[in-house]
Amino acid sequence: MGKRKKASRKPAPSRQKVPLDTNFTCLFCHHDNSVTVRMDRKEGVAQLVCKVCDQRFQSKVNHLTEAVDIYSEWIDAADAAQKEDHVPRRPAASSSRPARVVEESDED
């Protein structure tokens, strides 16, 4: 007695890769699809430019980097710059004495 023959299976259809976006919304002027990302893999540099407000950002690129990675780095850099500007500072030292008032005299 021999084994039963199995029906040959057809190969599964390959999934089509959906291309990732290269146009994004600007953080500063809020226009949709105004930010484009250009990557030069030979030079290892990516440039992000807003067509409306001319905001620019540049970052390093490797062979795994995609346009959305550069956009997210730009968001992180903008957040870090904003936090750096809004660092709460200690108020000047105060004493319990009231401040001295300087009076100007008009002696003509």
N, C-alpha and C. Protein backbone atom coordinates (compact mmCIF):
# COMPACT_ATOMS: atom_id res chain seq x y z
N MET A 1 0.84 -1.17 0.00
CA MET A 1 0.00 0.00 0.00
C MET A 1 0.89 1.24 0.00
N GLY A 2 0.55 2.16 -0.87
CA GLY A 2 1.33 3.40 -1.00
C GLY A 2 0.62 4.58 -0.36
N LYS A 3 1.35 5.63 -0.29
CA LYS A 3 0.78 6.85 0.30
C LYS A 3 -0.13 7.51 -0.72
N ARG A 4 -1.07 8.27 -0.19
CA ARG A 4 -1.95 9.00 -1.07
C ARG A 4 -1.23 10.25 -1.58
N LYS A 5 -1.52 10.61 -2.80
CA LYS A 5 -0.91 11.79 -3.38
C LYS A 5 -1.63 13.05 -2.89
N LYS A 6 -0.82 14.02 -2.46
CA LYS A 6 -1.40 15.29 -2.01
C LYS A 6 -1.54 16.20 -3.22
N ALA A 7 -2.57 17.01 -3.17
CA ALA A 7 -2.77 17.99 -4.23
C ALA A 7 -1.70 19.06 -4.09
N SER A 8 -1.10 19.44 -5.19
CA SER A 8 -0.06 20.46 -5.11
C SER A 8 -0.70 21.81 -4.79
N ARG A 9 -0.05 22.55 -3.90
CA ARG A 9 -0.58 23.85 -3.51
C ARG A 9 -0.03 24.93 -4.42
N LYS A 10 -0.89 25.85 -4.75
CA LYS A 10 -0.46 26.97 -5.55
C LYS A 10 0.26 27.97 -4.64
N PRO A 11 1.28 28.62 -5.15
CA PRO A 11 1.96 29.61 -4.30
C PRO A 11 1.02 30.77 -3.96
N ALA A 12 1.18 31.27 -2.74
CA ALA A 12 0.34 32.37 -2.29
C ALA A 12 0.68 33.63 -3.08
N PRO A 13 -0.30 34.43 -3.36
CA PRO A 13 -0.01 35.67 -4.10
C PRO A 13 0.86 36.60 -3.25
N SER A 14 1.84 37.19 -3.88
CA SER A 14 2.75 38.05 -3.13
C SER A 14 2.05 39.37 -2.80
N ARG A 15 2.36 39.89 -1.63
CA ARG A 15 1.76 41.15 -1.21
C ARG A 15 2.46 42.30 -1.91
N GLN A 16 1.68 43.24 -2.33
CA GLN A 16 2.26 44.41 -2.96
C GLN A 16 2.71 45.37 -1.87
N LYS A 17 3.92 45.89 -2.00
CA LYS A 17 4.42 46.83 -1.02
C LYS A 17 3.77 48.19 -1.27
N VAL A 18 3.21 48.73 -0.21
CA VAL A 18 2.61 50.05 -0.29
C VAL A 18 3.73 51.06 -0.05
N PRO A 19 3.97 51.97 -0.99
CA PRO A 19 5.05 52.94 -0.80
C PRO A 19 4.72 53.88 0.35
N LEU A 20 5.75 54.21 1.15
CA LEU A 20 5.57 55.14 2.25
C LEU A 20 5.51 56.57 1.73
N ASP A 21 4.87 57.42 2.49
CA ASP A 21 4.73 58.81 2.09
C ASP A 21 6.07 59.53 2.06
N THR A 22 6.20 60.48 1.16
CA THR A 22 7.36 61.36 1.14
C THR A 22 6.93 62.81 1.30
N ASN A 23 5.61 63.07 1.35
CA ASN A 23 5.07 64.41 1.57
C ASN A 23 4.33 64.42 2.90
N PHE A 24 4.59 65.47 3.70
CA PHE A 24 4.04 65.51 5.04
C PHE A 24 3.48 66.89 5.34
N THR A 25 2.86 67.03 6.52
CA THR A 25 2.32 68.29 6.99
C THR A 25 3.42 69.08 7.71
N CYS A 26 3.48 70.37 7.45
CA CYS A 26 4.50 71.21 8.08
C CYS A 26 4.12 71.49 9.53
N LEU A 27 5.12 71.46 10.40
CA LEU A 27 4.90 71.73 11.82
C LEU A 27 4.66 73.21 12.09
N PHE A 28 5.19 74.06 11.24
CA PHE A 28 5.16 75.49 11.50
C PHE A 28 4.01 76.21 10.80
N CYS A 29 3.76 75.89 9.54
CA CYS A 29 2.67 76.57 8.82
C CYS A 29 1.42 75.69 8.69
N HIS A 30 1.49 74.42 9.05
CA HIS A 30 0.36 73.47 9.08
C HIS A 30 -0.30 73.24 7.72
N HIS A 31 0.44 73.38 6.63
CA HIS A 31 -0.09 73.04 5.30
C HIS A 31 0.11 71.55 5.05
N ASP A 32 -0.91 70.92 4.51
CA ASP A 32 -0.83 69.49 4.19
C ASP A 32 0.02 69.28 2.95
N ASN A 33 0.79 68.22 2.95
CA ASN A 33 1.63 67.81 1.82
C ASN A 33 2.55 68.91 1.30
N SER A 34 2.99 69.77 2.19
CA SER A 34 3.90 70.84 1.77
C SER A 34 5.36 70.51 2.08
N VAL A 35 5.60 69.52 2.91
CA VAL A 35 6.96 69.15 3.28
C VAL A 35 7.39 67.95 2.45
N THR A 36 8.51 68.10 1.75
CA THR A 36 9.05 66.99 0.97
C THR A 36 10.40 66.58 1.55
N VAL A 37 10.69 65.30 1.44
CA VAL A 37 11.95 64.76 1.94
C VAL A 37 12.72 64.20 0.75
N ARG A 38 13.97 64.66 0.62
CA ARG A 38 14.86 64.15 -0.43
C ARG A 38 16.04 63.50 0.25
N MET A 39 16.31 62.25 -0.14
CA MET A 39 17.42 61.52 0.47
C MET A 39 18.49 61.23 -0.57
N ASP A 40 19.72 61.54 -0.24
CA ASP A 40 20.87 61.23 -1.07
C ASP A 40 21.68 60.18 -0.31
N ARG A 41 21.46 58.93 -0.66
CA ARG A 41 22.09 57.84 0.09
C ARG A 41 23.60 57.77 -0.16
N LYS A 42 24.06 58.20 -1.33
CA LYS A 42 25.50 58.19 -1.60
C LYS A 42 26.22 59.17 -0.69
N GLU A 43 25.63 60.36 -0.53
CA GLU A 43 26.22 61.39 0.33
C GLU A 43 25.91 61.12 1.80
N GLY A 44 24.85 60.36 2.08
CA GLY A 44 24.46 60.06 3.45
C GLY A 44 23.73 61.21 4.12
N VAL A 45 22.99 61.99 3.33
CA VAL A 45 22.30 63.17 3.85
C VAL A 45 20.86 63.20 3.34
N ALA A 46 19.95 63.61 4.22
CA ALA A 46 18.55 63.80 3.84
C ALA A 46 18.18 65.25 4.10
N GLN A 47 17.39 65.83 3.20
CA GLN A 47 16.94 67.20 3.35
C GLN A 47 15.43 67.23 3.37
N LEU A 48 14.90 67.99 4.32
CA LEU A 48 13.46 68.15 4.47
C LEU A 48 13.17 69.64 4.24
N VAL A 49 12.24 69.94 3.33
CA VAL A 49 11.96 71.33 2.98
C VAL A 49 10.45 71.53 2.88
N CYS A 50 9.98 72.64 3.48
CA CYS A 50 8.57 73.04 3.34
C CYS A 50 8.47 73.98 2.15
N LYS A 51 7.56 73.71 1.24
CA LYS A 51 7.39 74.53 0.05
C LYS A 51 6.75 75.87 0.36
N VAL A 52 5.97 75.95 1.44
CA VAL A 52 5.23 77.16 1.74
C VAL A 52 6.06 78.14 2.58
N CYS A 53 6.57 77.66 3.74
CA CYS A 53 7.27 78.57 4.65
C CYS A 53 8.79 78.43 4.57
N ASP A 54 9.29 77.58 3.69
CA ASP A 54 10.71 77.38 3.45
C ASP A 54 11.47 76.94 4.70
N GLN A 55 10.81 76.21 5.57
CA GLN A 55 11.48 75.63 6.74
C GLN A 55 12.33 74.47 6.26
N ARG A 56 13.56 74.35 6.79
CA ARG A 56 14.49 73.31 6.33
C ARG A 56 15.03 72.52 7.50
N PHE A 57 15.36 71.25 7.21
CA PHE A 57 15.98 70.37 8.19
C PHE A 57 16.88 69.40 7.44
N GLN A 58 18.03 69.08 8.04
CA GLN A 58 18.97 68.16 7.40
C GLN A 58 19.40 67.12 8.42
N SER A 59 19.56 65.88 7.96
CA SER A 59 19.92 64.80 8.86
C SER A 59 20.77 63.76 8.12
N LYS A 60 21.43 62.91 8.90
CA LYS A 60 22.22 61.83 8.32
C LYS A 60 21.32 60.66 7.94
N VAL A 61 21.76 59.91 6.93
CA VAL A 61 20.96 58.80 6.42
C VAL A 61 21.82 57.55 6.32
N ASN A 62 21.22 56.39 6.58
CA ASN A 62 21.88 55.13 6.28
C ASN A 62 20.99 54.32 5.34
N HIS A 63 21.37 53.10 5.05
CA HIS A 63 20.63 52.33 4.05
C HIS A 63 19.25 51.89 4.51
N LEU A 64 18.95 51.98 5.80
CA LEU A 64 17.64 51.59 6.33
C LEU A 64 16.69 52.77 6.51
N THR A 65 17.18 53.97 6.39
CA THR A 65 16.39 55.16 6.68
C THR A 65 15.35 55.41 5.58
N GLU A 66 14.15 55.77 6.01
CA GLU A 66 13.07 56.12 5.10
C GLU A 66 12.68 57.57 5.34
N ALA A 67 11.84 58.12 4.48
CA ALA A 67 11.44 59.52 4.58
C ALA A 67 10.69 59.80 5.87
N VAL A 68 9.88 58.87 6.31
CA VAL A 68 9.12 59.07 7.55
C VAL A 68 10.06 59.13 8.76
N ASP A 69 11.21 58.48 8.69
CA ASP A 69 12.19 58.55 9.78
C ASP A 69 12.78 59.96 9.88
N ILE A 70 13.04 60.58 8.75
CA ILE A 70 13.58 61.95 8.73
C ILE A 70 12.53 62.91 9.27
N TYR A 71 11.27 62.71 8.89
CA TYR A 71 10.18 63.57 9.38
C TYR A 71 10.05 63.45 10.90
N SER A 72 10.14 62.23 11.43
CA SER A 72 10.02 62.05 12.88
C SER A 72 11.23 62.65 13.61
N GLU A 73 12.42 62.60 13.01
CA GLU A 73 13.59 63.26 13.60
C GLU A 73 13.37 64.77 13.65
N TRP A 74 12.76 65.32 12.61
CA TRP A 74 12.47 66.75 12.56
C TRP A 74 11.50 67.14 13.68
N ILE A 75 10.49 66.32 13.89
CA ILE A 75 9.53 66.57 14.96
C ILE A 75 10.24 66.55 16.31
N ASP A 76 11.09 65.56 16.53
CA ASP A 76 11.82 65.45 17.79
C ASP A 76 12.76 66.64 18.00
N ALA A 77 13.43 67.07 16.94
CA ALA A 77 14.35 68.21 17.04
C ALA A 77 13.58 69.50 17.33
N ALA A 78 12.42 69.67 16.73
CA ALA A 78 11.61 70.86 16.98
C ALA A 78 11.09 70.87 18.42
N ASP A 79 10.67 69.71 18.93
CA ASP A 79 10.23 69.62 20.32
C ASP A 79 11.37 69.91 21.28
N ALA A 80 12.55 69.39 20.99
CA ALA A 80 13.71 69.63 21.86
C ALA A 80 14.09 71.11 21.87
N ALA A 81 14.03 71.76 20.72
CA ALA A 81 14.34 73.19 20.63
C ALA A 81 13.31 74.02 21.39
N GLN A 82 12.05 73.61 21.32
CA GLN A 82 11.00 74.34 22.03
C GLN A 82 11.16 74.19 23.53
N LYS A 83 11.50 73.00 24.00
CA LYS A 83 11.71 72.78 25.43
C LYS A 83 12.93 73.54 25.92
N GLU A 84 13.95 73.62 25.08
CA GLU A 84 15.17 74.34 25.45
C GLU A 84 14.89 75.83 25.62
N ASP A 85 14.00 76.38 24.80
CA ASP A 85 13.66 77.79 24.90
C ASP A 85 12.81 78.10 26.14
N HIS A 86 12.02 77.15 26.59
CA HIS A 86 11.10 77.37 27.69
C HIS A 86 11.59 76.75 29.00
N VAL A 87 12.90 76.75 29.24
CA VAL A 87 13.43 76.22 30.48
C VAL A 87 13.08 77.20 31.59
N PRO A 88 12.39 76.73 32.63
CA PRO A 88 12.04 77.66 33.71
C PRO A 88 13.31 78.08 34.46
N ARG A 89 13.42 79.37 34.68
CA ARG A 89 14.59 79.88 35.38
C ARG A 89 14.21 80.27 36.79
N ARG A 90 15.18 80.15 37.69
CA ARG A 90 14.93 80.53 39.07
C ARG A 90 14.75 82.03 39.15
N PRO A 91 13.80 82.47 39.96
CA PRO A 91 13.65 83.90 40.12
C PRO A 91 14.85 84.47 40.87
N ALA A 92 15.08 85.74 40.71
CA ALA A 92 16.19 86.38 41.40
C ALA A 92 15.97 86.27 42.90
N ALA A 93 17.06 86.19 43.64
CA ALA A 93 16.97 86.07 45.09
C ALA A 93 16.28 87.31 45.65
N SER A 94 15.37 87.09 46.56
CA SER A 94 14.65 88.21 47.16
C SER A 94 14.95 88.25 48.64
N SER A 95 14.83 89.40 49.20
CA SER A 95 15.04 89.55 50.64
C SER A 95 13.74 90.00 51.27
N SER A 96 13.73 90.03 52.55
CA SER A 96 12.51 90.44 53.25
C SER A 96 12.36 91.95 53.28
N ARG A 97 13.43 92.66 52.93
CA ARG A 97 13.36 94.12 52.93
C ARG A 97 12.70 94.59 51.64
N PRO A 98 11.94 95.68 51.72
CA PRO A 98 11.35 96.22 50.49
C PRO A 98 12.42 96.86 49.63
N ALA A 99 12.17 96.91 48.36
CA ALA A 99 13.13 97.49 47.41
C ALA A 99 13.25 98.99 47.64
N ARG A 100 14.46 99.53 47.47
CA ARG A 100 14.72 100.94 47.68
C ARG A 100 14.17 101.72 46.48
N VAL A 101 13.45 102.77 46.76
CA VAL A 101 12.87 103.60 45.72
C VAL A 101 13.78 104.80 45.52
N VAL A 102 14.20 105.03 44.30
CA VAL A 102 15.06 106.16 43.98
C VAL A 102 14.18 107.27 43.43
N GLU A 103 14.26 108.43 44.06
CA GLU A 103 13.44 109.56 43.63
C GLU A 103 14.30 110.52 42.83
N GLU A 104 13.76 111.04 41.76
CA GLU A 104 14.45 112.02 40.96
C GLU A 104 13.96 113.40 41.40
N SER A 105 14.88 114.31 41.50
CA SER A 105 14.49 115.67 41.90
C SER A 105 14.68 116.62 40.73
N ASP A 106 13.76 117.53 40.60
CA ASP A 106 13.82 118.52 39.53
C ASP A 106 14.34 119.84 40.13
N GLU A 107 15.61 120.08 40.04
CA GLU A 107 16.19 121.30 40.56
C GLU A 107 16.75 122.10 39.40
N ASP A 108 15.97 122.96 38.85
CA ASP A 108 16.40 123.80 37.73
C ASP A 108 16.68 125.19 38.17
